[in-house]
Amino acid sequence: MDIDINEILNHPIVRQILLWLALGLGVGIVAKIIIPGNEQMGWIRTIGVGLLGSFLGNFLAPKLFDWPTYNPFSLPGIGIGIAGAVVLVVVNRIVTKS
């Protein structure tokens, strides 16, 4: 039984998961650059902050500010996601007192 890595990577679900992980990592890194600090956040936590910030930003912004709903992978969606992740970095700093 041979496993073809290209076949696995080209599966739509795998590609979607990899895309979300890349978005989370990118948004998390940008948020940490905007709010520099001494947080001990590894890659997993950075991805988590980016994903959660992107989700919260894109979910809450239209409800709070009467904005249209954006695709999280669009330029406005990424910007809103970064804003959400920045808020999470600040909340993390307050909670962990770092």
PDB file of N, CA and C in Angstrom:
ATOM      1  N   MET A   1       0.844  -1.180   0.000  1.00  0.00           N
ATOM      2  CA  MET A   1       0.000   0.000   0.000  1.00  0.00           C
ATOM      3  C   MET A   1       0.888   1.241   0.000  1.00  0.00           C
ATOM      4  N   ASP A   2       0.964   1.892  -1.147  1.00  0.00           N
ATOM      5  CA  ASP A   2       1.744   3.117  -1.263  1.00  0.00           C
ATOM      6  C   ASP A   2       0.872   4.326  -0.954  1.00  0.00           C
ATOM      7  N   ILE A   3       1.458   5.269  -0.228  1.00  0.00           N
ATOM      8  CA  ILE A   3       0.762   6.515   0.078  1.00  0.00           C
ATOM      9  C   ILE A   3       1.411   7.609  -0.749  1.00  0.00           C
ATOM     10  N   ASP A   4       0.619   8.263  -1.560  1.00  0.00           N
ATOM     11  CA  ASP A   4       1.109   9.348  -2.403  1.00  0.00           C
ATOM     12  C   ASP A   4       0.852  10.674  -1.686  1.00  0.00           C
ATOM     13  N   ILE A   5       1.936  11.343  -1.278  1.00  0.00           N
ATOM     14  CA  ILE A   5       1.809  12.592  -0.529  1.00  0.00           C
ATOM     15  C   ILE A   5       1.118  13.670  -1.353  1.00  0.00           C
ATOM     16  N   ASN A   6       1.347  13.683  -2.667  1.00  0.00           N
ATOM     17  CA  ASN A   6       0.690  14.675  -3.520  1.00  0.00           C
ATOM     18  C   ASN A   6      -0.817  14.482  -3.537  1.00  0.00           C
ATOM     19  N   GLU A   7      -1.242  13.231  -3.529  1.00  0.00           N
ATOM     20  CA  GLU A   7      -2.677  12.950  -3.506  1.00  0.00           C
ATOM     21  C   GLU A   7      -3.296  13.434  -2.194  1.00  0.00           C
ATOM     22  N   ILE A   8      -2.573  13.241  -1.102  1.00  0.00           N
ATOM     23  CA  ILE A   8      -3.068  13.697   0.201  1.00  0.00           C
ATOM     24  C   ILE A   8      -3.128  15.217   0.240  1.00  0.00           C
ATOM     25  N   LEU A   9      -2.050  15.883  -0.197  1.00  0.00           N
ATOM     26  CA  LEU A   9      -2.000  17.344  -0.147  1.00  0.00           C
ATOM     27  C   LEU A   9      -2.997  17.998  -1.090  1.00  0.00           C
ATOM     28  N   ASN A  10      -3.392  17.312  -2.139  1.00  0.00           N
ATOM     29  CA  ASN A  10      -4.354  17.878  -3.080  1.00  0.00           C
ATOM     30  C   ASN A  10      -5.802  17.596  -2.697  1.00  0.00           C
ATOM     31  N   HIS A  11      -6.017  16.893  -1.610  1.00  0.00           N
ATOM     32  CA  HIS A  11      -7.380  16.641  -1.144  1.00  0.00           C
ATOM     33  C   HIS A  11      -7.967  17.969  -0.653  1.00  0.00           C
ATOM     34  N   PRO A  12      -9.198  18.310  -1.028  1.00  0.00           N
ATOM     35  CA  PRO A  12      -9.780  19.610  -0.659  1.00  0.00           C
ATOM     36  C   PRO A  12      -9.795  19.882   0.847  1.00  0.00           C
ATOM     37  N   ILE A  13     -10.073  18.888   1.654  1.00  0.00           N
ATOM     38  CA  ILE A  13     -10.124  19.118   3.102  1.00  0.00           C
ATOM     39  C   ILE A  13      -8.731  19.411   3.647  1.00  0.00           C
ATOM     40  N   VAL A  14      -7.734  18.683   3.189  1.00  0.00           N
ATOM     41  CA  VAL A  14      -6.361  18.907   3.638  1.00  0.00           C
ATOM     42  C   VAL A  14      -5.901  20.294   3.214  1.00  0.00           C
ATOM     43  N   ARG A  15      -6.204  20.683   1.989  1.00  0.00           N
ATOM     44  CA  ARG A  15      -5.823  22.020   1.513  1.00  0.00           C
ATOM     45  C   ARG A  15      -6.505  23.106   2.325  1.00  0.00           C
ATOM     46  N   GLN A  16      -7.769  22.909   2.682  1.00  0.00           N
ATOM     47  CA  GLN A  16      -8.497  23.889   3.486  1.00  0.00           C
ATOM     48  C   GLN A  16      -7.873  24.016   4.876  1.00  0.00           C
ATOM     49  N   ILE A  17      -7.525  22.890   5.487  1.00  0.00           N
ATOM     50  CA  ILE A  17      -6.893  22.918   6.811  1.00  0.00           C
ATOM     51  C   ILE A  17      -5.548  23.633   6.742  1.00  0.00           C
ATOM     52  N   LEU A  18      -4.741  23.317   5.732  1.00  0.00           N
ATOM     53  CA  LEU A  18      -3.441  23.971   5.580  1.00  0.00           C
ATOM     54  C   LEU A  18      -3.594  25.467   5.339  1.00  0.00           C
ATOM     55  N   LEU A  19      -4.603  25.850   4.573  1.00  0.00           N
ATOM     56  CA  LEU A  19      -4.857  27.267   4.317  1.00  0.00           C
ATOM     57  C   LEU A  19      -5.240  27.987   5.602  1.00  0.00           C
ATOM     58  N   TRP A  20      -6.105  27.386   6.416  1.00  0.00           N
ATOM     59  CA  TRP A  20      -6.496  27.999   7.690  1.00  0.00           C
ATOM     60  C   TRP A  20      -5.309  28.087   8.648  1.00  0.00           C
ATOM     61  N   LEU A  21      -4.464  27.061   8.682  1.00  0.00           N
ATOM     62  CA  LEU A  21      -3.278  27.110   9.538  1.00  0.00           C
ATOM     63  C   LEU A  21      -2.324  28.211   9.089  1.00  0.00           C
ATOM     64  N   ALA A  22      -2.146  28.361   7.784  1.00  0.00           N
ATOM     65  CA  ALA A  22      -1.286  29.424   7.259  1.00  0.00           C
ATOM     66  C   ALA A  22      -1.864  30.794   7.596  1.00  0.00           C
ATOM     67  N   LEU A  23      -3.175  30.953   7.441  1.00  0.00           N
ATOM     68  CA  LEU A  23      -3.822  32.221   7.793  1.00  0.00           C
ATOM     69  C   LEU A  23      -3.627  32.509   9.276  1.00  0.00           C
ATOM     70  N   GLY A  24      -3.856  31.514  10.120  1.00  0.00           N
ATOM     71  CA  GLY A  24      -3.693  31.704  11.558  1.00  0.00           C
ATOM     72  C   GLY A  24      -2.277  32.081  11.931  1.00  0.00           C
ATOM     73  N   LEU A  25      -1.309  31.410  11.341  1.00  0.00           N
ATOM     74  CA  LEU A  25       0.089  31.713  11.619  1.00  0.00           C
ATOM     75  C   LEU A  25       0.429  33.129  11.169  1.00  0.00           C
ATOM     76  N   GLY A  26       0.028  33.479   9.953  1.00  0.00           N
ATOM     77  CA  GLY A  26       0.321  34.818   9.433  1.00  0.00           C
ATOM     78  C   GLY A  26      -0.318  35.913  10.263  1.00  0.00           C
ATOM     79  N   VAL A  27      -1.591  35.759  10.576  1.00  0.00           N
ATOM     80  CA  VAL A  27      -2.305  36.760  11.373  1.00  0.00           C
ATOM     81  C   VAL A  27      -1.698  36.839  12.773  1.00  0.00           C
ATOM     82  N   GLY A  28      -1.377  35.698  13.364  1.00  0.00           N
ATOM     83  CA  GLY A  28      -0.773  35.689  14.696  1.00  0.00           C
ATOM     84  C   GLY A  28       0.585  36.369  14.721  1.00  0.00           C
ATOM     85  N   ILE A  29       1.402  36.124  13.711  1.00  0.00           N
ATOM     86  CA  ILE A  29       2.727  36.756  13.637  1.00  0.00           C
ATOM     87  C   ILE A  29       2.593  38.265  13.476  1.00  0.00           C
ATOM     88  N   VAL A  30       1.707  38.706  12.595  1.00  0.00           N
ATOM     89  CA  VAL A  30       1.515  40.150  12.398  1.00  0.00           C
ATOM     90  C   VAL A  30       1.018  40.795  13.689  1.00  0.00           C
ATOM     91  N   ALA A  31       0.103  40.139  14.391  1.00  0.00           N
ATOM     92  CA  ALA A  31      -0.402  40.682  15.655  1.00  0.00           C
ATOM     93  C   ALA A  31       0.722  40.814  16.679  1.00  0.00           C
ATOM     94  N   LYS A  32       1.621  39.821  16.734  1.00  0.00           N
ATOM     95  CA  LYS A  32       2.739  39.897  17.671  1.00  0.00           C
ATOM     96  C   LYS A  32       3.749  40.966  17.264  1.00  0.00           C
ATOM     97  N   ILE A  33       3.858  41.252  15.969  1.00  0.00           N
ATOM     98  CA  ILE A  33       4.744  42.327  15.512  1.00  0.00           C
ATOM     99  C   ILE A  33       4.148  43.681  15.884  1.00  0.00           C
ATOM    100  N   ILE A  34       2.835  43.823  15.723  1.00  0.00           N
ATOM    101  CA  ILE A  34       2.168  45.085  16.051  1.00  0.00           C
ATOM    102  C   ILE A  34       2.236  45.351  17.549  1.00  0.00           C
ATOM    103  N   ILE A  35       2.042  44.326  18.356  1.00  0.00           N
ATOM    104  CA  ILE A  35       2.083  44.444  19.816  1.00  0.00           C
ATOM    105  C   ILE A  35       3.282  43.627  20.305  1.00  0.00           C
ATOM    106  N   PRO A  36       4.503  44.194  20.205  1.00  0.00           N
ATOM    107  CA  PRO A  36       5.665  43.418  20.633  1.00  0.00           C
ATOM    108  C   PRO A  36       5.649  43.244  22.153  1.00  0.00           C
ATOM    109  N   GLY A  37       6.241  42.193  22.597  1.00  0.00           N
ATOM    110  CA  GLY A  37       6.278  41.956  24.038  1.00  0.00           C
ATOM    111  C   GLY A  37       7.080  40.727  24.365  1.00  0.00           C
ATOM    112  N   ASN A  38       6.976  40.340  25.597  1.00  0.00           N
ATOM    113  CA  ASN A  38       7.769  39.244  26.123  1.00  0.00           C
ATOM    114  C   ASN A  38       6.940  37.979  26.302  1.00  0.00           C
ATOM    115  N   GLU A  39       5.838  37.846  25.568  1.00  0.00           N
ATOM    116  CA  GLU A  39       5.000  36.655  25.697  1.00  0.00           C
ATOM    117  C   GLU A  39       5.787  35.418  25.288  1.00  0.00           C
ATOM    118  N   GLN A  40       5.597  34.376  26.036  1.00  0.00           N
ATOM    119  CA  GLN A  40       6.213  33.094  25.698  1.00  0.00           C
ATOM    120  C   GLN A  40       5.212  32.289  24.876  1.00  0.00           C
ATOM    121  N   MET A  41       4.972  32.743  23.652  1.00  0.00           N
ATOM    122  CA  MET A  41       4.013  32.083  22.766  1.00  0.00           C
ATOM    123  C   MET A  41       4.778  31.337  21.690  1.00  0.00           C
ATOM    124  N   GLY A  42       4.614  30.025  21.656  1.00  0.00           N
ATOM    125  CA  GLY A  42       5.237  29.223  20.616  1.00  0.00           C
ATOM    126  C   GLY A  42       4.405  29.267  19.341  1.00  0.00           C
ATOM    127  N   TRP A  43       4.783  28.432  18.386  1.00  0.00           N
ATOM    128  CA  TRP A  43       4.093  28.402  17.090  1.00  0.00           C
ATOM    129  C   TRP A  43       2.631  28.005  17.228  1.00  0.00           C
ATOM    130  N   ILE A  44       2.361  27.011  18.065  1.00  0.00           N
ATOM    131  CA  ILE A  44       0.989  26.524  18.217  1.00  0.00           C
ATOM    132  C   ILE A  44       0.101  27.621  18.792  1.00  0.00           C
ATOM    133  N   ARG A  45       0.582  28.290  19.820  1.00  0.00           N
ATOM    134  CA  ARG A  45      -0.206  29.371  20.431  1.00  0.00           C
ATOM    135  C   ARG A  45      -0.351  30.551  19.478  1.00  0.00           C
ATOM    136  N   THR A  46       0.680  30.850  18.703  1.00  0.00           N
ATOM    137  CA  THR A  46       0.597  31.927  17.717  1.00  0.00           C
ATOM    138  C   THR A  46      -0.463  31.607  16.668  1.00  0.00           C
ATOM    139  N   ILE A  47      -0.481  30.365  16.186  1.00  0.00           N
ATOM    140  CA  ILE A  47      -1.506  29.949  15.223  1.00  0.00           C
ATOM    141  C   ILE A  47      -2.884  30.045  15.869  1.00  0.00           C
ATOM    142  N   GLY A  48      -2.987  29.596  17.119  1.00  0.00           N
ATOM    143  CA  GLY A  48      -4.269  29.660  17.829  1.00  0.00           C
ATOM    144  C   GLY A  48      -4.771  31.080  17.989  1.00  0.00           C
ATOM    145  N   VAL A  49      -3.881  31.993  18.381  1.00  0.00           N
ATOM    146  CA  VAL A  49      -4.265  33.402  18.528  1.00  0.00           C
ATOM    147  C   VAL A  49      -4.688  33.966  17.177  1.00  0.00           C
ATOM    148  N   GLY A  50      -3.957  33.630  16.131  1.00  0.00           N
ATOM    149  CA  GLY A  50      -4.312  34.113  14.792  1.00  0.00           C
ATOM    150  C   GLY A  50      -5.651  33.578  14.323  1.00  0.00           C
ATOM    151  N   LEU A  51      -5.879  32.280  14.502  1.00  0.00           N
ATOM    152  CA  LEU A  51      -7.152  31.684  14.083  1.00  0.00           C
ATOM    153  C   LEU A  51      -8.315  32.227  14.897  1.00  0.00           C
ATOM    154  N   LEU A  52      -8.152  32.262  16.210  1.00  0.00           N
ATOM    155  CA  LEU A  52      -9.231  32.744  17.065  1.00  0.00           C
ATOM    156  C   LEU A  52      -9.480  34.234  16.839  1.00  0.00           C
ATOM    157  N   GLY A  53      -8.411  35.006  16.692  1.00  0.00           N
ATOM    158  CA  GLY A  53      -8.567  36.437  16.417  1.00  0.00           C
ATOM    159  C   GLY A  53      -9.252  36.684  15.091  1.00  0.00           C
ATOM    160  N   SER A  54      -8.883  35.913  14.086  1.00  0.00           N
ATOM    161  CA  SER A  54      -9.515  36.048  12.775  1.00  0.00           C
ATOM    162  C   SER A  54     -10.991  35.680  12.848  1.00  0.00           C
ATOM    163  N   PHE A  55     -11.287  34.589  13.539  1.00  0.00           N
ATOM    164  CA  PHE A  55     -12.685  34.171  13.680  1.00  0.00           C
ATOM    165  C   PHE A  55     -13.485  35.219  14.450  1.00  0.00           C
ATOM    166  N   LEU A  56     -12.961  35.631  15.610  1.00  0.00           N
ATOM    167  CA  LEU A  56     -13.699  36.603  16.424  1.00  0.00           C
ATOM    168  C   LEU A  56     -13.852  37.937  15.707  1.00  0.00           C
ATOM    169  N   GLY A  57     -12.774  38.401  15.091  1.00  0.00           N
ATOM    170  CA  GLY A  57     -12.844  39.673  14.377  1.00  0.00           C
ATOM    171  C   GLY A  57     -13.859  39.640  13.253  1.00  0.00           C
ATOM    172  N   ASN A  58     -13.823  38.590  12.454  1.00  0.00           N
ATOM    173  CA  ASN A  58     -14.734  38.500  11.309  1.00  0.00           C
ATOM    174  C   ASN A  58     -16.152  38.124  11.718  1.00  0.00           C
ATOM    175  N   PHE A  59     -16.326  37.554  12.902  1.00  0.00           N
ATOM    176  CA  PHE A  59     -17.662  37.217  13.392  1.00  0.00           C
ATOM    177  C   PHE A  59     -18.290  38.408  14.113  1.00  0.00           C
ATOM    178  N   LEU A  60     -17.505  39.083  14.956  1.00  0.00           N
ATOM    179  CA  LEU A  60     -18.060  40.151  15.786  1.00  0.00           C
ATOM    180  C   LEU A  60     -18.112  41.514  15.104  1.00  0.00           C
ATOM    181  N   ALA A  61     -17.136  41.829  14.252  1.00  0.00           N
ATOM    182  CA  ALA A  61     -17.089  43.163  13.639  1.00  0.00           C
ATOM    183  C   ALA A  61     -18.371  43.526  12.894  1.00  0.00           C
ATOM    184  N   PRO A  62     -18.926  42.649  12.059  1.00  0.00           N
ATOM    185  CA  PRO A  62     -20.176  43.019  11.376  1.00  0.00           C
ATOM    186  C   PRO A  62     -21.337  43.247  12.348  1.00  0.00           C
ATOM    187  N   LYS A  63     -21.334  42.542  13.463  1.00  0.00           N
ATOM    188  CA  LYS A  63     -22.422  42.687  14.427  1.00  0.00           C
ATOM    189  C   LYS A  63     -22.257  43.945  15.285  1.00  0.00           C
ATOM    190  N   LEU A  64     -21.027  44.263  15.657  1.00  0.00           N
ATOM    191  CA  LEU A  64     -20.779  45.411  16.527  1.00  0.00           C
ATOM    192  C   LEU A  64     -20.786  46.744  15.782  1.00  0.00           C
ATOM    193  N   PHE A  65     -20.279  46.751  14.557  1.00  0.00           N
ATOM    194  CA  PHE A  65     -20.088  48.006  13.836  1.00  0.00           C
ATOM    195  C   PHE A  65     -20.967  48.152  12.607  1.00  0.00           C
ATOM    196  N   ASP A  66     -21.923  47.250  12.424  1.00  0.00           N
ATOM    197  CA  ASP A  66     -22.825  47.290  11.274  1.00  0.00           C
ATOM    198  C   ASP A  66     -22.038  47.296   9.956  1.00  0.00           C
ATOM    199  N   TRP A  67     -20.978  46.471   9.910  1.00  0.00           N
ATOM    200  CA  TRP A  67     -20.173  46.321   8.703  1.00  0.00           C
ATOM    201  C   TRP A  67     -20.697  45.153   7.890  1.00  0.00           C
ATOM    202  N   PRO A  68     -20.344  45.114   6.614  1.00  0.00           N
ATOM    203  CA  PRO A  68     -20.698  43.915   5.833  1.00  0.00           C
ATOM    204  C   PRO A  68     -19.844  42.729   6.288  1.00  0.00           C
ATOM    205  N   THR A  69     -20.296  41.548   5.991  1.00  0.00           N
ATOM    206  CA  THR A  69     -19.537  40.343   6.316  1.00  0.00           C
ATOM    207  C   THR A  69     -18.491  40.117   5.231  1.00  0.00           C
ATOM    208  N   TYR A  70     -17.237  39.931   5.649  1.00  0.00           N
ATOM    209  CA  TYR A  70     -16.145  39.711   4.707  1.00  0.00           C
ATOM    210  C   TYR A  70     -15.681  38.267   4.766  1.00  0.00           C
ATOM    211  N   ASN A  71     -15.164  37.786   3.656  1.00  0.00           N
ATOM    212  CA  ASN A  71     -14.494  36.494   3.613  1.00  0.00           C
ATOM    213  C   ASN A  71     -13.196  36.629   4.411  1.00  0.00           C
ATOM    214  N   PRO A  72     -12.907  35.732   5.354  1.00  0.00           N
ATOM    215  CA  PRO A  72     -11.678  35.844   6.143  1.00  0.00           C
ATOM    216  C   PRO A  72     -10.404  35.835   5.305  1.00  0.00           C
ATOM    217  N   PHE A  73     -10.463  35.330   4.071  1.00  0.00           N
ATOM    218  CA  PHE A  73      -9.281  35.283   3.214  1.00  0.00           C
ATOM    219  C   PHE A  73      -9.181  36.484   2.281  1.00  0.00           C
ATOM    220  N   SER A  74     -10.122  37.434   2.380  1.00  0.00           N
ATOM    221  CA  SER A  74     -10.042  38.659   1.587  1.00  0.00           C
ATOM    222  C   SER A  74      -9.168  39.665   2.337  1.00  0.00           C
ATOM    223  N   LEU A  75      -8.748  40.731   1.660  1.00  0.00           N
ATOM    224  CA  LEU A  75      -7.902  41.735   2.298  1.00  0.00           C
ATOM    225  C   LEU A  75      -8.585  42.377   3.508  1.00  0.00           C
ATOM    226  N   PRO A  76      -9.861  42.831   3.385  1.00  0.00           N
ATOM    227  CA  PRO A  76     -10.520  43.371   4.582  1.00  0.00           C
ATOM    228  C   PRO A  76     -10.679  42.313   5.674  1.00  0.00           C
ATOM    229  N   GLY A  77     -10.960  41.076   5.283  1.00  0.00           N
ATOM    230  CA  GLY A  77     -11.116  40.001   6.264  1.00  0.00           C
ATOM    231  C   GLY A  77      -9.830  39.730   7.023  1.00  0.00           C
ATOM    232  N   ILE A  78      -8.702  39.764   6.320  1.00  0.00           N
ATOM    233  CA  ILE A  78      -7.407  39.562   6.974  1.00  0.00           C
ATOM    234  C   ILE A  78      -7.115  40.724   7.912  1.00  0.00           C
ATOM    235  N   GLY A  79      -7.429  41.948   7.484  1.00  0.00           N
ATOM    236  CA  GLY A  79      -7.235  43.123   8.345  1.00  0.00           C
ATOM    237  C   GLY A  79      -8.060  43.041   9.614  1.00  0.00           C
ATOM    238  N   ILE A  80      -9.313  42.643   9.473  1.00  0.00           N
ATOM    239  CA  ILE A  80     -10.181  42.483  10.641  1.00  0.00           C
ATOM    240  C   ILE A  80      -9.656  41.349  11.522  1.00  0.00           C
ATOM    241  N   GLY A  81      -9.162  40.287  10.899  1.00  0.00           N
ATOM    242  CA  GLY A  81      -8.580  39.180  11.658  1.00  0.00           C
ATOM    243  C   GLY A  81      -7.357  39.612  12.445  1.00  0.00           C
ATOM    244  N   ILE A  82      -6.513  40.438  11.838  1.00  0.00           N
ATOM    245  CA  ILE A  82      -5.334  40.955  12.540  1.00  0.00           C
ATOM    246  C   ILE A  82      -5.769  41.801  13.730  1.00  0.00           C
ATOM    247  N   ALA A  83      -6.783  42.645  13.536  1.00  0.00           N
ATOM    248  CA  ALA A  83      -7.292  43.459  14.646  1.00  0.00           C
ATOM    249  C   ALA A  83      -7.802  42.563  15.774  1.00  0.00           C
ATOM    250  N   GLY A  84      -8.529  41.515  15.428  1.00  0.00           N
ATOM    251  CA  GLY A  84      -9.013  40.578  16.441  1.00  0.00           C
ATOM    252  C   GLY A  84      -7.872  39.887  17.158  1.00  0.00           C
ATOM    253  N   ALA A  85      -6.827  39.511  16.419  1.00  0.00           N
ATOM    254  CA  ALA A  85      -5.673  38.845  17.029  1.00  0.00           C
ATOM    255  C   ALA A  85      -4.897  39.804  17.929  1.00  0.00           C
ATOM    256  N   VAL A  86      -4.806  41.080  17.534  1.00  0.00           N
ATOM    257  CA  VAL A  86      -4.147  42.083  18.381  1.00  0.00           C
ATOM    258  C   VAL A  86      -4.885  42.193  19.712  1.00  0.00           C
ATOM    259  N   VAL A  87      -6.213  42.218  19.647  1.00  0.00           N
ATOM    260  CA  VAL A  87      -7.009  42.262  20.881  1.00  0.00           C
ATOM    261  C   VAL A  87      -6.701  41.037  21.742  1.00  0.00           C
ATOM    262  N   LEU A  88      -6.597  39.868  21.118  1.00  0.00           N
ATOM    263  CA  LEU A  88      -6.291  38.652  21.882  1.00  0.00           C
ATOM    264  C   LEU A  88      -4.893  38.688  22.488  1.00  0.00           C
ATOM    265  N   VAL A  89      -3.920  39.260  21.783  1.00  0.00           N
ATOM    266  CA  VAL A  89      -2.570  39.380  22.340  1.00  0.00           C
ATOM    267  C   VAL A  89      -2.604  40.287  23.571  1.00  0.00           C
ATOM    268  N   VAL A  90      -3.344  41.391  23.488  1.00  0.00           N
ATOM    269  CA  VAL A  90      -3.469  42.302  24.631  1.00  0.00           C
ATOM    270  C   VAL A  90      -4.169  41.595  25.795  1.00  0.00           C
ATOM    271  N   VAL A  91      -5.255  40.875  25.508  1.00  0.00           N
ATOM    272  CA  VAL A  91      -5.963  40.129  26.557  1.00  0.00           C
ATOM    273  C   VAL A  91      -5.035  39.078  27.167  1.00  0.00           C
ATOM    274  N   ASN A  92      -4.269  38.381  26.335  1.00  0.00           N
ATOM    275  CA  ASN A  92      -3.309  37.392  26.834  1.00  0.00           C
ATOM    276  C   ASN A  92      -2.295  38.050  27.758  1.00  0.00           C
ATOM    277  N   ARG A  93      -1.837  39.228  27.396  1.00  0.00           N
ATOM    278  CA  ARG A  93      -0.855  39.942  28.208  1.00  0.00           C
ATOM    279  C   ARG A  93      -1.457  40.336  29.561  1.00  0.00           C
ATOM    280  N   ILE A  94      -2.720  40.765  29.551  1.00  0.00           N
ATOM    281  CA  ILE A  94      -3.390  41.150  30.800  1.00  0.00           C
ATOM    282  C   ILE A  94      -3.611  39.926  31.685  1.00  0.00           C
ATOM    283  N   VAL A  95      -4.084  38.837  31.082  1.00  0.00           N
ATOM    284  CA  VAL A  95      -4.395  37.626  31.853  1.00  0.00           C
ATOM    285  C   VAL A  95      -3.128  36.994  32.430  1.00  0.00           C
ATOM    286  N   THR A  96      -2.076  36.911  31.618  1.00  0.00           N
ATOM    287  CA  THR A  96      -0.842  36.268  32.090  1.00  0.00           C
ATOM    288  C   THR A  96       0.097  37.246  32.784  1.00  0.00           C
ATOM    289  N   LYS A  97      -0.259  38.529  32.775  1.00  0.00           N
ATOM    290  CA  LYS A  97       0.549  39.591  33.393  1.00  0.00           C
ATOM    291  C   LYS A  97       1.989  39.587  32.886  1.00  0.00           C
ATOM    292  N   SER A  98       2.136  39.386  31.563  1.00  0.00           N
ATOM    293  CA  SER A  98       3.486  39.391  30.986  1.00  0.00           C
ATOM    294  C   SER A  98       3.739  40.669  30.229  1.00  0.00           C
TER     295      SER A  98
END
